[in-house]
Amino acid sequence: WVNIGGISYGSATRRFTVPQAGTYRITMNPFKSSSVATARVLVGINTDAPTPSAHRGHTYASGGIYSTMSINSVVNLSANDYIVFYLFEGGLWNSAGDRFNQFTIERIA
């Protein structure tokens, strides 16, 4: 909804690229769908497919209920590094009219 600071998004690559080096805070509040048993979202830095053993932030939820999950990471990035939010397993609630899966990427230093 708002882009202050020039972080770019590539819709073909699904990457958020930072314009300058610095310390960045990455947050996300994904909303797990009740139609799946589990959901896991990972944050990747300069990788399109982070793994549970190699990521820069993650969240996990289980059970057949809706659940708001949370990711909060602080990372040091170089200019032109990129960030991805990667749905590793399960599913999130997704509807064109709803905005349940919100996130921020902000340079803090």
Protein backbone atom coordinates (compact mmCIF):
# COMPACT_ATOMS: atom_id res chain seq x y z
CA TRP A 1 0.00 0.00 0.00
CA VAL A 2 2.87 2.37 0.78
CA ASN A 3 6.43 2.43 -0.53
CA ILE A 4 8.70 5.00 1.06
CA GLY A 5 12.40 4.55 0.50
CA GLY A 6 12.53 2.95 -2.91
CA ILE A 7 12.30 -0.77 -2.15
CA SER A 8 11.28 -2.32 -5.45
CA TYR A 9 9.08 -5.34 -6.10
CA GLY A 10 9.46 -7.60 -9.12
CA SER A 11 6.13 -9.30 -9.82
CA ALA A 12 7.78 -11.89 -12.10
CA THR A 13 10.39 -12.86 -9.48
CA ARG A 14 8.35 -12.03 -6.34
CA ARG A 15 11.44 -10.33 -4.92
CA PHE A 16 11.69 -7.16 -2.85
CA THR A 17 15.01 -5.46 -3.67
CA VAL A 18 16.55 -2.91 -1.29
CA PRO A 19 18.17 0.17 -2.87
CA GLN A 20 20.89 0.75 -0.27
CA ALA A 21 22.96 -1.05 2.31
CA GLY A 22 21.75 -0.96 5.90
CA THR A 23 19.94 -2.71 8.69
CA TYR A 24 16.37 -3.68 7.83
CA ARG A 25 13.45 -4.86 9.93
CA ILE A 26 11.23 -7.42 8.20
CA THR A 27 7.82 -8.22 9.68
CA MET A 28 4.92 -10.29 8.44
CA ASN A 29 1.66 -11.44 9.96
CA PRO A 30 0.46 -14.27 7.72
CA PHE A 31 -3.01 -15.66 8.38
CA LYS A 32 -3.13 -19.49 8.27
CA SER A 33 -6.09 -21.01 6.50
CA SER A 34 -8.29 -23.42 8.44
CA SER A 35 -8.33 -25.77 5.43
CA VAL A 36 -4.74 -26.94 6.03
CA ALA A 37 -3.20 -28.80 8.98
CA THR A 38 -0.01 -26.74 9.09
CA ALA A 39 1.52 -23.63 7.58
CA ARG A 40 5.12 -22.44 7.52
CA VAL A 41 6.39 -19.18 6.01
CA LEU A 42 10.12 -18.45 5.64
CA VAL A 43 12.03 -15.26 4.84
CA GLY A 44 14.80 -15.63 2.28
CA ILE A 45 17.64 -13.24 1.59
CA ASN A 46 19.14 -13.60 -1.89
CA THR A 47 17.46 -16.98 -2.34
CA ASP A 48 14.09 -17.77 -3.87
CA ALA A 49 13.63 -21.00 -1.90
CA PRO A 50 14.84 -20.71 1.71
CA THR A 51 14.76 -23.88 3.80
CA PRO A 52 13.91 -24.49 7.47
CA SER A 53 17.65 -24.75 8.19
CA ALA A 54 18.66 -21.72 6.07
CA HIS A 55 16.33 -18.75 6.41
CA ARG A 56 16.31 -15.27 7.95
CA GLY A 57 12.97 -15.53 9.76
CA HIS A 58 10.10 -17.99 9.95
CA THR A 59 6.75 -18.76 11.48
CA TYR A 60 4.83 -22.01 11.89
CA ALA A 61 1.28 -22.90 12.95
CA SER A 62 -0.60 -26.18 13.20
CA GLY A 63 -4.16 -27.27 13.79
CA GLY A 64 -7.25 -27.02 11.64
CA ILE A 65 -8.12 -23.48 12.70
CA TYR A 66 -7.43 -20.00 11.39
CA SER A 67 -4.32 -18.61 13.05
CA THR A 68 -2.43 -15.33 12.85
CA MET A 69 1.27 -16.05 12.69
CA SER A 70 4.17 -13.61 13.16
CA ILE A 71 7.64 -13.00 11.71
CA ASN A 72 9.99 -10.34 13.09
CA SER A 73 13.56 -10.24 11.76
CA VAL A 74 16.38 -7.71 11.72
CA VAL A 75 18.97 -8.24 8.99
CA ASN A 76 21.98 -6.44 7.54
CA LEU A 77 21.68 -6.09 3.79
CA SER A 78 23.84 -4.75 0.99
CA ALA A 79 22.52 -2.57 -1.82
CA ASN A 80 20.52 -4.67 -4.32
CA ASP A 81 20.05 -7.63 -1.95
CA TYR A 82 16.57 -9.10 -2.22
CA ILE A 83 13.99 -10.49 0.18
CA VAL A 84 11.34 -13.14 -0.47
CA PHE A 85 8.45 -14.39 1.63
CA TYR A 86 8.25 -18.12 0.90
CA LEU A 87 5.29 -20.36 1.72
CA PHE A 88 7.24 -23.52 2.58
CA GLU A 89 4.20 -25.64 3.50
CA GLY A 90 0.46 -25.40 4.00
CA GLY A 91 -1.69 -22.50 2.98
CA LEU A 92 -2.68 -19.00 3.94
CA TRP A 93 -6.07 -17.35 3.79
CA ASN A 94 -6.14 -15.38 0.56
CA SER A 95 -9.01 -13.35 -0.77
CA ALA A 96 -8.90 -10.38 -3.13
CA GLY A 97 -11.17 -8.36 -0.83
CA ASP A 98 -9.29 -9.12 2.40
CA ARG A 99 -5.90 -7.95 3.61
CA PHE A 100 -4.98 -10.52 6.23
CA ASN A 101 -1.38 -11.19 5.15
CA GLN A 102 0.36 -7.90 5.87
CA PHE A 103 4.10 -7.19 6.00
CA THR A 104 6.68 -4.42 6.29
CA ILE A 105 10.26 -4.02 5.17
CA GLU A 106 11.88 -0.93 6.65
CA ARG A 107 15.41 0.40 6.84
CA ILE A 108 16.18 1.15 10.49
CA ALA A 109 19.91 2.00 10.34
